């Protein structure tokens, strides 16, 4: 997988499609990686798009250049990583497609760099511009892990079994049969 070095990261990414086509940045969610987009990208191959698919900080082959760097990954920081990648590739204007956390990043890009972002598409996430409405109870129940991660015992449990925690989310947040164990193993153990 090619990579681009920024001040703090070595960003691994896939670039495919038409070199001089309309640039589209695909941003994966958690706990995923760039392979999230394989089926989508294969269907868009004939559309004259230059598709850039990074692996976000903290995932897969994207690595920190120093152990001393803070391990933050809020939407603003991830959006700055995306801008650094697009700058490094010489791409001035682009569209952004985000899934899950990637949607938050796409939205942050549109708000923070409106002169650079042509369009955004948000998948599996509601827009936060203008405020976030209270979800129905059935959806709020799925957000249990936000509380769990914020507790000391929850953080300790996750640290002991990161893959188990991620696997649970893959099972809970998608239709039955959407992935096989080999895919999960590949994504969780790059």
N, C-alpha and C. Protein backbone atom coordinates (compact mmCIF):
# COMPACT_ATOMS: atom_id res chain seq x y z
N UNK A 1 0.85 -1.17 0.00
CA UNK A 1 0.00 0.00 0.00
C UNK A 1 0.90 1.23 0.00
N UNK A 2 0.68 2.17 -0.92
CA UNK A 2 1.50 3.39 -0.91
C UNK A 2 1.24 4.19 0.36
N UNK A 3 2.13 5.12 0.64
CA UNK A 3 1.96 5.95 1.83
C UNK A 3 2.43 7.36 1.52
N UNK A 4 2.01 8.29 2.37
CA UNK A 4 2.43 9.67 2.30
C UNK A 4 2.81 10.10 3.70
N UNK A 5 3.98 10.70 3.83
CA UNK A 5 4.43 11.16 5.14
C UNK A 5 3.99 12.60 5.37
N UNK A 6 3.38 12.82 6.54
CA UNK A 6 3.07 14.17 6.99
C UNK A 6 4.00 14.46 8.16
N UNK A 7 3.78 15.57 8.81
CA UNK A 7 4.63 15.92 9.95
C UNK A 7 4.58 14.86 11.04
N UNK A 8 3.39 14.30 11.28
CA UNK A 8 3.24 13.37 12.39
C UNK A 8 2.88 11.94 12.00
N UNK A 9 2.45 11.73 10.76
CA UNK A 9 1.95 10.41 10.36
C UNK A 9 2.61 9.90 9.09
N UNK A 10 2.56 8.61 8.95
CA UNK A 10 2.80 7.93 7.67
C UNK A 10 1.44 7.37 7.30
N UNK A 11 0.75 8.04 6.36
CA UNK A 11 -0.62 7.68 5.99
C UNK A 11 -0.58 6.66 4.86
N UNK A 12 -1.12 5.49 5.12
CA UNK A 12 -1.27 4.47 4.09
C UNK A 12 -2.57 4.75 3.34
N UNK A 13 -2.54 4.58 2.03
CA UNK A 13 -3.75 4.85 1.25
C UNK A 13 -3.74 4.03 -0.03
N UNK A 14 -4.91 3.93 -0.61
CA UNK A 14 -5.10 3.31 -1.91
C UNK A 14 -5.51 4.44 -2.85
N UNK A 15 -4.96 4.45 -4.03
CA UNK A 15 -5.40 5.41 -5.05
C UNK A 15 -5.71 4.62 -6.30
N UNK A 16 -6.89 4.82 -6.82
CA UNK A 16 -7.32 4.05 -7.98
C UNK A 16 -8.24 4.90 -8.84
N UNK A 17 -8.54 4.41 -10.02
CA UNK A 17 -9.44 5.13 -10.93
C UNK A 17 -8.66 5.97 -11.91
N UNK A 18 -9.32 6.99 -12.43
CA UNK A 18 -8.74 7.86 -13.46
C UNK A 18 -7.83 8.91 -12.82
N UNK A 19 -6.56 8.89 -13.18
CA UNK A 19 -5.58 9.82 -12.60
C UNK A 19 -6.00 11.27 -12.74
N UNK A 20 -6.66 11.60 -13.85
CA UNK A 20 -7.08 12.99 -14.08
C UNK A 20 -8.59 13.15 -13.94
N UNK A 21 -9.23 12.19 -13.25
CA UNK A 21 -10.67 12.27 -13.03
C UNK A 21 -11.01 13.15 -11.84
N UNK A 22 -12.30 13.25 -11.57
CA UNK A 22 -12.76 14.03 -10.42
C UNK A 22 -12.34 13.33 -9.14
N UNK A 23 -11.59 14.02 -8.27
CA UNK A 23 -11.11 13.38 -7.04
C UNK A 23 -12.22 13.15 -6.02
N UNK A 24 -12.22 11.95 -5.44
CA UNK A 24 -13.15 11.60 -4.38
C UNK A 24 -12.35 10.95 -3.26
N UNK A 25 -12.50 11.47 -2.07
CA UNK A 25 -11.84 10.95 -0.88
C UNK A 25 -12.84 10.08 -0.12
N UNK A 26 -12.49 8.81 0.11
CA UNK A 26 -13.34 7.87 0.83
C UNK A 26 -12.79 7.69 2.23
N UNK A 27 -13.63 7.91 3.25
CA UNK A 27 -13.19 7.88 4.64
C UNK A 27 -13.94 6.79 5.40
N UNK A 28 -13.20 5.82 5.91
CA UNK A 28 -13.82 4.69 6.61
C UNK A 28 -14.21 5.05 8.03
N UNK A 29 -14.95 4.16 8.64
CA UNK A 29 -15.39 4.34 10.02
C UNK A 29 -14.60 3.48 10.98
N UNK A 30 -15.19 3.30 12.15
CA UNK A 30 -14.56 2.52 13.21
C UNK A 30 -15.43 1.32 13.49
N UNK A 31 -14.90 0.18 13.68
CA UNK A 31 -13.49 -0.22 13.63
C UNK A 31 -13.17 -0.87 12.29
N UNK A 32 -12.92 -0.09 11.30
CA UNK A 32 -12.70 -0.56 9.93
C UNK A 32 -11.36 -0.09 9.40
N UNK A 33 -11.15 -0.27 8.12
CA UNK A 33 -9.98 0.27 7.45
C UNK A 33 -10.35 0.56 6.00
N UNK A 34 -9.39 0.87 5.17
CA UNK A 34 -9.65 1.25 3.79
C UNK A 34 -10.38 0.16 3.01
N UNK A 35 -10.25 -1.10 3.42
CA UNK A 35 -10.91 -2.17 2.68
C UNK A 35 -12.44 -2.07 2.74
N UNK A 36 -12.96 -1.23 3.64
CA UNK A 36 -14.40 -0.98 3.71
C UNK A 36 -14.95 -0.61 2.33
N UNK A 37 -14.15 0.06 1.55
CA UNK A 37 -14.61 0.64 0.29
C UNK A 37 -14.37 -0.24 -0.93
N UNK A 38 -13.83 -1.43 -0.77
CA UNK A 38 -13.46 -2.26 -1.94
C UNK A 38 -14.62 -2.48 -2.90
N UNK A 39 -15.78 -2.90 -2.41
CA UNK A 39 -16.91 -3.17 -3.29
C UNK A 39 -17.43 -1.90 -3.94
N UNK A 40 -17.45 -0.80 -3.20
CA UNK A 40 -17.93 0.47 -3.74
C UNK A 40 -17.01 0.96 -4.84
N UNK A 41 -15.71 0.94 -4.58
CA UNK A 41 -14.73 1.43 -5.55
C UNK A 41 -14.77 0.59 -6.83
N UNK A 42 -14.94 -0.71 -6.69
CA UNK A 42 -14.99 -1.55 -7.89
C UNK A 42 -16.21 -1.19 -8.75
N UNK A 43 -17.30 -0.79 -8.15
CA UNK A 43 -18.49 -0.41 -8.92
C UNK A 43 -18.37 0.97 -9.54
N UNK A 44 -17.50 1.80 -9.00
CA UNK A 44 -17.33 3.16 -9.52
C UNK A 44 -16.16 3.29 -10.50
N UNK A 45 -15.48 2.20 -10.76
CA UNK A 45 -14.24 2.24 -11.56
C UNK A 45 -14.42 2.87 -12.93
N UNK A 46 -15.57 2.76 -13.53
CA UNK A 46 -15.75 3.28 -14.89
C UNK A 46 -16.28 4.71 -14.92
N UNK A 47 -16.36 5.36 -13.78
CA UNK A 47 -16.99 6.68 -13.71
C UNK A 47 -16.04 7.86 -13.80
N UNK A 48 -14.82 7.67 -14.25
CA UNK A 48 -13.84 8.76 -14.41
C UNK A 48 -13.59 9.50 -13.10
N UNK A 49 -13.42 8.72 -12.04
CA UNK A 49 -13.13 9.28 -10.73
C UNK A 49 -11.72 8.92 -10.33
N UNK A 50 -11.05 9.85 -9.68
CA UNK A 50 -9.76 9.58 -9.03
C UNK A 50 -10.08 9.32 -7.57
N UNK A 51 -10.01 8.07 -7.17
CA UNK A 51 -10.46 7.67 -5.84
C UNK A 51 -9.27 7.49 -4.90
N UNK A 52 -9.32 8.19 -3.78
CA UNK A 52 -8.28 8.15 -2.75
C UNK A 52 -8.91 7.58 -1.49
N UNK A 53 -8.33 6.48 -0.99
CA UNK A 53 -8.90 5.78 0.14
C UNK A 53 -7.83 5.58 1.21
N UNK A 54 -7.74 6.49 2.18
CA UNK A 54 -6.73 6.34 3.22
C UNK A 54 -7.18 5.41 4.34
N UNK A 55 -6.22 4.91 5.06
CA UNK A 55 -6.47 4.24 6.33
C UNK A 55 -6.22 5.30 7.41
N UNK A 56 -7.21 5.54 8.24
CA UNK A 56 -7.12 6.61 9.23
C UNK A 56 -6.08 6.33 10.31
N UNK A 57 -5.64 7.38 10.97
CA UNK A 57 -4.66 7.24 12.07
C UNK A 57 -5.18 6.25 13.10
N UNK A 58 -4.25 5.40 13.54
CA UNK A 58 -4.60 4.40 14.54
C UNK A 58 -5.12 3.10 13.94
N UNK A 59 -5.23 3.03 12.64
CA UNK A 59 -5.74 1.84 11.97
C UNK A 59 -4.71 1.31 10.98
N UNK A 60 -4.67 0.00 10.84
CA UNK A 60 -3.90 -0.64 9.79
C UNK A 60 -2.48 -0.13 9.65
N UNK A 61 -2.09 0.13 8.42
CA UNK A 61 -0.71 0.50 8.11
C UNK A 61 -0.41 1.98 8.30
N UNK A 62 -1.39 2.80 8.67
CA UNK A 62 -1.11 4.20 8.97
C UNK A 62 -0.52 4.27 10.37
N UNK A 63 0.65 4.87 10.48
CA UNK A 63 1.38 4.86 11.75
C UNK A 63 1.81 6.26 12.16
N UNK A 64 2.01 6.41 13.46
CA UNK A 64 2.56 7.64 14.01
C UNK A 64 4.06 7.62 13.80
N UNK A 65 4.64 8.77 13.50
CA UNK A 65 6.08 8.83 13.26
C UNK A 65 6.89 8.91 14.54
N UNK A 66 6.21 9.15 15.66
CA UNK A 66 6.90 9.23 16.95
C UNK A 66 5.99 8.67 18.03
N UNK A 67 6.58 7.98 18.97
CA UNK A 67 5.83 7.46 20.11
C UNK A 67 5.32 8.58 21.01
N UNK A 68 5.93 9.76 20.93
CA UNK A 68 5.58 10.87 21.80
C UNK A 68 4.36 11.66 21.33
N UNK A 69 3.88 11.42 20.13
CA UNK A 69 2.76 12.18 19.60
C UNK A 69 1.46 11.78 20.29
N UNK A 70 0.59 12.76 20.57
CA UNK A 70 -0.69 12.44 21.21
C UNK A 70 -1.53 11.52 20.31
N UNK A 71 -2.22 10.61 20.93
CA UNK A 71 -3.05 9.65 20.20
C UNK A 71 -4.50 10.12 20.17
N UNK A 72 -4.72 11.28 19.62
CA UNK A 72 -6.08 11.81 19.51
C UNK A 72 -6.62 11.51 18.12
N UNK A 73 -7.93 11.37 18.05
CA UNK A 73 -8.54 11.08 16.76
C UNK A 73 -9.93 11.68 16.68
N UNK A 74 -10.05 12.94 17.09
CA UNK A 74 -11.36 13.56 16.95
C UNK A 74 -11.56 13.97 15.48
N UNK A 75 -12.77 14.35 15.13
CA UNK A 75 -13.09 14.64 13.73
C UNK A 75 -12.22 15.75 13.15
N UNK A 76 -11.92 16.76 13.94
CA UNK A 76 -11.11 17.87 13.44
C UNK A 76 -9.68 17.41 13.12
N UNK A 77 -9.09 16.63 13.99
CA UNK A 77 -7.74 16.12 13.76
C UNK A 77 -7.71 15.21 12.54
N UNK A 78 -8.71 14.33 12.42
CA UNK A 78 -8.78 13.44 11.27
C UNK A 78 -9.02 14.22 9.98
N UNK A 79 -9.78 15.31 10.05
CA UNK A 79 -9.97 16.16 8.87
C UNK A 79 -8.65 16.82 8.48
N UNK A 80 -7.87 17.25 9.46
CA UNK A 80 -6.56 17.83 9.14
C UNK A 80 -5.64 16.80 8.50
N UNK A 81 -5.72 15.55 8.96
CA UNK A 81 -4.95 14.47 8.31
C UNK A 81 -5.37 14.33 6.86
N UNK A 82 -6.69 14.39 6.60
CA UNK A 82 -7.20 14.25 5.23
C UNK A 82 -6.71 15.39 4.35
N UNK A 83 -6.72 16.60 4.88
CA UNK A 83 -6.23 17.75 4.11
C UNK A 83 -4.74 17.59 3.82
N UNK A 84 -3.97 17.13 4.80
CA UNK A 84 -2.53 16.90 4.58
C UNK A 84 -2.31 15.86 3.48
N UNK A 85 -3.12 14.81 3.48
CA UNK A 85 -3.00 13.79 2.43
C UNK A 85 -3.33 14.39 1.07
N UNK A 86 -4.44 15.09 0.97
CA UNK A 86 -4.82 15.67 -0.32
C UNK A 86 -3.81 16.71 -0.78
N UNK A 87 -3.28 17.51 0.15
CA UNK A 87 -2.20 18.45 -0.20
C UNK A 87 -1.00 17.71 -0.75
N UNK A 88 -0.61 16.63 -0.07
CA UNK A 88 0.54 15.86 -0.50
C UNK A 88 0.36 15.23 -1.86
N UNK A 89 -0.88 14.92 -2.21
CA UNK A 89 -1.18 14.34 -3.53
C UNK A 89 -1.44 15.42 -4.58
N UNK A 90 -1.39 16.69 -4.17
CA UNK A 90 -1.60 17.79 -5.11
C UNK A 90 -3.05 17.95 -5.53
N UNK A 91 -3.97 17.54 -4.69
CA UNK A 91 -5.40 17.62 -5.00
C UNK A 91 -6.00 18.81 -4.25
N UNK A 92 -6.45 19.79 -5.01
CA UNK A 92 -6.98 21.02 -4.41
C UNK A 92 -8.46 20.88 -4.04
N UNK A 93 -9.30 20.45 -4.98
CA UNK A 93 -10.74 20.31 -4.73
C UNK A 93 -11.12 18.85 -4.88
N UNK A 94 -12.06 18.42 -4.03
CA UNK A 94 -12.46 17.02 -4.04
C UNK A 94 -13.82 16.87 -3.39
N UNK A 95 -14.42 15.72 -3.63
CA UNK A 95 -15.63 15.33 -2.91
C UNK A 95 -15.20 14.35 -1.83
N UNK A 96 -16.00 14.25 -0.77
CA UNK A 96 -15.68 13.34 0.33
C UNK A 96 -16.88 12.46 0.62
N UNK A 97 -16.60 11.17 0.76
CA UNK A 97 -17.62 10.19 1.12
C UNK A 97 -17.17 9.56 2.43
N UNK A 98 -18.04 9.60 3.44
CA UNK A 98 -17.68 9.05 4.74
C UNK A 98 -18.68 8.03 5.22
N UNK A 99 -18.14 7.02 5.89
CA UNK A 99 -18.97 6.00 6.54
C UNK A 99 -18.69 6.04 8.04
N UNK A 100 -19.73 6.11 8.86
CA UNK A 100 -19.58 6.07 10.31
C UNK A 100 -18.70 7.26 10.74
N UNK A 101 -17.58 7.02 11.42
CA UNK A 101 -16.69 8.12 11.81
C UNK A 101 -16.24 8.90 10.59
N UNK A 102 -16.08 8.21 9.48
CA UNK A 102 -15.70 8.89 8.24
C UNK A 102 -16.69 9.97 7.85
N UNK A 103 -17.98 9.77 8.19
CA UNK A 103 -18.99 10.80 7.93
C UNK A 103 -18.71 12.05 8.75
N UNK A 104 -18.31 11.86 10.00
CA UNK A 104 -17.96 13.01 10.84
C UNK A 104 -16.80 13.77 10.23
N UNK A 105 -15.85 13.04 9.69
CA UNK A 105 -14.68 13.68 9.07
C UNK A 105 -15.10 14.43 7.82
N UNK A 106 -15.92 13.81 6.97
CA UNK A 106 -16.39 14.47 5.75
C UNK A 106 -17.12 15.76 6.10
N UNK A 107 -17.94 15.71 7.12
CA UNK A 107 -18.66 16.90 7.55
C UNK A 107 -17.69 17.97 8.07
N UNK A 108 -16.69 17.55 8.84
CA UNK A 108 -15.68 18.51 9.34
C UNK A 108 -14.92 19.14 8.18
N UNK A 109 -14.63 18.36 7.14
CA UNK A 109 -13.96 18.91 5.96
C UNK A 109 -14.83 19.97 5.28
N UNK A 110 -16.12 19.68 5.13
CA UNK A 110 -17.03 20.62 4.48
C UNK A 110 -17.18 21.91 5.27
N UNK A 111 -17.14 21.81 6.60
CA UNK A 111 -17.27 23.00 7.44
C UNK A 111 -15.94 23.77 7.51
N UNK A 112 -14.84 23.04 7.70
CA UNK A 112 -13.55 23.69 7.88
C UNK A 112 -12.87 24.14 6.60
N UNK A 113 -13.15 23.47 5.50
CA UNK A 113 -12.50 23.77 4.21
C UNK A 113 -13.54 23.81 3.10
N UNK A 114 -14.55 24.67 3.20
CA UNK A 114 -15.61 24.68 2.19
C UNK A 114 -15.11 25.01 0.79
N UNK A 115 -14.01 25.73 0.70
CA UNK A 115 -13.46 26.06 -0.61
C UNK A 115 -12.78 24.87 -1.28
N UNK A 116 -12.55 23.80 -0.54
CA UNK A 116 -11.87 22.62 -1.07
C UNK A 116 -12.82 21.46 -1.36
N UNK A 117 -13.97 21.46 -0.70
CA UNK A 117 -14.87 20.31 -0.78
C UNK A 117 -16.05 20.63 -1.69
N UNK A 118 -16.16 19.85 -2.78
CA UNK A 118 -17.27 20.05 -3.72
C UNK A 118 -18.58 19.50 -3.18
N UNK A 119 -18.53 18.25 -2.70
CA UNK A 119 -19.72 17.57 -2.22
C UNK A 119 -19.32 16.61 -1.11
N UNK A 120 -20.31 16.26 -0.27
CA UNK A 120 -20.09 15.21 0.73
C UNK A 120 -21.25 14.23 0.66
N UNK A 121 -20.95 12.99 1.00
CA UNK A 121 -21.97 11.96 1.18
C UNK A 121 -21.70 11.31 2.52
N UNK A 122 -22.73 11.22 3.36
CA UNK A 122 -22.60 10.67 4.71
C UNK A 122 -23.38 9.36 4.79
N UNK A 123 -22.68 8.29 5.14
CA UNK A 123 -23.31 6.98 5.25
C UNK A 123 -23.25 6.49 6.69
N UNK A 124 -24.33 5.93 7.16
CA UNK A 124 -24.42 5.34 8.51
C UNK A 124 -24.12 6.36 9.60
N UNK A 125 -24.49 7.58 9.36
CA UNK A 125 -24.31 8.62 10.37
C UNK A 125 -25.21 9.78 10.00
N UNK A 126 -25.79 10.38 11.01
CA UNK A 126 -26.62 11.54 10.73
C UNK A 126 -25.78 12.81 10.74
N UNK A 127 -26.15 13.80 9.94
CA UNK A 127 -25.40 15.06 9.95
C UNK A 127 -25.51 15.73 11.31
N UNK A 128 -24.46 16.40 11.69
CA UNK A 128 -24.44 17.10 12.96
C UNK A 128 -24.56 18.61 12.79
N UNK A 129 -24.48 19.08 11.55
CA UNK A 129 -24.64 20.51 11.31
C UNK A 129 -26.02 20.93 11.78
N UNK A 130 -26.08 21.99 12.54
CA UNK A 130 -27.36 22.47 13.04
C UNK A 130 -27.83 21.75 14.29
N UNK A 131 -26.98 20.93 14.88
CA UNK A 131 -27.34 20.24 16.11
C UNK A 131 -27.71 18.80 15.88
N UNK A 132 -27.60 18.03 16.90
CA UNK A 132 -27.89 16.61 16.84
C UNK A 132 -29.17 16.35 17.61
N UNK A 133 -30.17 15.79 16.94
CA UNK A 133 -31.43 15.50 17.61
C UNK A 133 -31.28 14.24 18.45
N UNK A 134 -32.10 14.15 19.47
CA UNK A 134 -32.11 12.97 20.33
C UNK A 134 -32.62 11.78 19.52
N UNK A 135 -31.86 10.68 19.49
CA UNK A 135 -32.32 9.53 18.71
C UNK A 135 -33.43 8.78 19.44
N UNK A 136 -34.18 7.95 18.72
CA UNK A 136 -35.17 7.11 19.41
C UNK A 136 -34.46 6.15 20.36
N UNK A 137 -35.19 5.64 21.34
CA UNK A 137 -34.58 4.74 22.33
C UNK A 137 -33.89 3.55 21.70
N UNK A 138 -34.47 2.98 20.64
CA UNK A 138 -33.86 1.80 20.02
C UNK A 138 -32.47 2.13 19.47
N UNK A 139 -32.29 3.34 18.95
CA UNK A 139 -30.96 3.74 18.46
C UNK A 139 -30.05 4.12 19.63
N UNK A 140 -30.58 4.80 20.63
CA UNK A 140 -29.77 5.18 21.79
C UNK A 140 -29.19 3.94 22.47
N UNK A 141 -29.94 2.86 22.47
CA UNK A 141 -29.46 1.61 23.08
C UNK A 141 -28.19 1.12 22.39
N UNK A 142 -28.05 1.37 21.10
CA UNK A 142 -26.87 0.93 20.36
C UNK A 142 -25.62 1.75 20.71
N UNK A 143 -25.81 2.87 21.36
CA UNK A 143 -24.67 3.73 21.73
C UNK A 143 -24.09 3.40 23.10
N UNK A 144 -24.39 2.25 23.66
CA UNK A 144 -23.91 1.86 24.97
C UNK A 144 -22.39 1.98 25.08
N UNK A 145 -21.71 1.71 24.00
CA UNK A 145 -20.25 1.67 24.05
C UNK A 145 -19.63 3.05 24.31
N UNK A 146 -20.34 4.14 24.01
CA UNK A 146 -19.82 5.47 24.33
C UNK A 146 -19.65 5.60 25.84
N UNK A 147 -20.66 5.18 26.58
CA UNK A 147 -20.57 5.20 28.04
C UNK A 147 -19.49 4.23 28.50
N UNK A 148 -19.50 3.03 27.96
CA UNK A 148 -18.56 1.99 28.38
C UNK A 148 -17.11 2.46 28.21
N UNK A 149 -16.80 3.07 27.08
CA UNK A 149 -15.43 3.54 26.82
C UNK A 149 -15.02 4.68 27.76
N UNK A 150 -16.01 5.42 28.26
CA UNK A 150 -15.71 6.57 29.11
C UNK A 150 -15.47 6.18 30.57
N UNK A 151 -15.75 4.94 30.92
CA UNK A 151 -15.50 4.50 32.29
C UNK A 151 -14.11 3.87 32.40
N UNK A 152 -13.53 3.95 33.58
CA UNK A 152 -12.20 3.37 33.78
C UNK A 152 -12.21 1.87 33.53
N UNK A 153 -13.18 1.17 34.08
CA UNK A 153 -13.25 -0.29 33.89
C UNK A 153 -13.51 -0.65 32.43
N UNK A 154 -14.34 0.14 31.77
CA UNK A 154 -14.60 -0.12 30.35
C UNK A 154 -13.34 0.06 29.52
N UNK A 155 -12.61 1.15 29.78
CA UNK A 155 -11.36 1.39 29.05
C UNK A 155 -10.36 0.27 29.29
N UNK A 156 -10.30 -0.22 30.52
CA UNK A 156 -9.38 -1.33 30.84
C UNK A 156 -9.81 -2.61 30.11
N UNK A 157 -11.10 -2.88 30.08
CA UNK A 157 -11.60 -4.08 29.40
C UNK A 157 -11.30 -4.02 27.90
N UNK A 158 -11.49 -2.85 27.32
CA UNK A 158 -11.22 -2.69 25.89
C UNK A 158 -9.73 -2.87 25.62
N UNK A 159 -8.89 -2.31 26.47
CA UNK A 159 -7.44 -2.43 26.29
C UNK A 159 -7.00 -3.90 26.33
N UNK A 160 -7.70 -4.71 27.12
CA UNK A 160 -7.35 -6.13 27.23
C UNK A 160 -7.81 -6.95 26.04
N UNK A 161 -8.88 -6.50 25.37
CA UNK A 161 -9.41 -7.27 24.25
C UNK A 161 -9.97 -6.34 23.17
N UNK A 162 -9.08 -5.61 22.52
CA UNK A 162 -9.50 -4.67 21.48
C UNK A 162 -10.23 -5.37 20.33
N UNK A 163 -9.72 -6.52 19.93
CA UNK A 163 -10.35 -7.23 18.82
C UNK A 163 -11.73 -7.74 19.19
N UNK A 164 -11.90 -8.22 20.41
CA UNK A 164 -13.22 -8.67 20.84
C UNK A 164 -14.23 -7.53 20.85
N UNK A 165 -13.78 -6.36 21.30
CA UNK A 165 -14.64 -5.18 21.32
C UNK A 165 -15.02 -4.77 19.90
N UNK A 166 -14.04 -4.76 19.00
CA UNK A 166 -14.31 -4.41 17.61
C UNK A 166 -15.23 -5.44 16.95
N UNK A 167 -14.99 -6.72 17.21
CA UNK A 167 -15.81 -7.77 16.61
C UNK A 167 -17.27 -7.63 17.02
N UNK A 168 -17.51 -7.29 18.27
CA UNK A 168 -18.87 -7.09 18.75
C UNK A 168 -19.57 -6.00 17.94
N UNK A 169 -18.85 -4.94 17.62
CA UNK A 169 -19.44 -3.85 16.83
C UNK A 169 -19.73 -4.28 15.40
N UNK A 170 -18.84 -5.05 14.83
CA UNK A 170 -19.10 -5.56 13.48
C UNK A 170 -20.38 -6.39 13.49
N UNK A 171 -20.60 -7.16 14.53
CA UNK A 171 -21.80 -7.99 14.62
C UNK A 171 -23.05 -7.15 14.88
N UNK A 172 -22.94 -6.15 15.75
CA UNK A 172 -24.11 -5.37 16.16
C UNK A 172 -24.57 -4.33 15.15
N UNK A 173 -23.67 -3.82 14.34
CA UNK A 173 -23.99 -2.65 13.52
C UNK A 173 -24.23 -2.97 12.05
N UNK A 174 -24.43 -4.22 11.72
CA UNK A 174 -24.65 -4.53 10.32
C UNK A 174 -25.54 -5.75 10.18
N UNK A 175 -26.09 -5.94 8.99
CA UNK A 175 -26.94 -7.11 8.78
C UNK A 175 -26.14 -8.41 8.93
N UNK A 176 -26.83 -9.47 9.29
CA UNK A 176 -26.19 -10.78 9.40
C UNK A 176 -25.53 -11.14 8.08
N UNK A 177 -24.35 -11.72 8.17
CA UNK A 177 -23.65 -12.21 7.00
C UNK A 177 -22.91 -11.19 6.17
N UNK A 178 -22.79 -9.95 6.63
CA UNK A 178 -22.13 -8.94 5.81
C UNK A 178 -20.63 -9.11 5.78
N UNK A 179 -20.07 -9.88 6.71
CA UNK A 179 -18.62 -10.12 6.69
C UNK A 179 -18.38 -11.57 7.09
N UNK A 180 -17.19 -12.05 6.74
CA UNK A 180 -16.78 -13.37 7.21
C UNK A 180 -15.59 -13.19 8.16
N UNK A 181 -15.27 -14.22 8.90
CA UNK A 181 -14.21 -14.12 9.91
C UNK A 181 -12.85 -13.81 9.29
N UNK A 182 -12.61 -14.30 8.08
CA UNK A 182 -11.33 -14.01 7.41
C UNK A 182 -11.19 -12.50 7.15
N UNK A 183 -12.29 -11.86 6.76
CA UNK A 183 -12.26 -10.41 6.54
C UNK A 183 -11.97 -9.68 7.84
N UNK A 184 -12.66 -10.06 8.91
CA UNK A 184 -12.42 -9.41 10.19
C UNK A 184 -10.97 -9.61 10.62
N UNK A 185 -10.44 -10.79 10.50
CA UNK A 185 -9.04 -11.06 10.88
C UNK A 185 -8.07 -10.20 10.07
N UNK A 186 -8.33 -10.06 8.78
CA UNK A 186 -7.45 -9.24 7.92
C UNK A 186 -7.47 -7.78 8.35
N UNK A 187 -8.66 -7.27 8.65
CA UNK A 187 -8.79 -5.86 9.04
C UNK A 187 -8.23 -5.63 10.45
N UNK A 188 -8.48 -6.55 11.36
CA UNK A 188 -8.06 -6.34 12.75
C UNK A 188 -6.60 -6.71 13.01
N UNK A 189 -5.96 -7.41 12.11
CA UNK A 189 -4.56 -7.79 12.25
C UNK A 189 -3.80 -7.51 10.96
N UNK A 190 -3.57 -6.22 10.64
CA UNK A 190 -2.90 -5.89 9.37
C UNK A 190 -1.49 -6.43 9.28
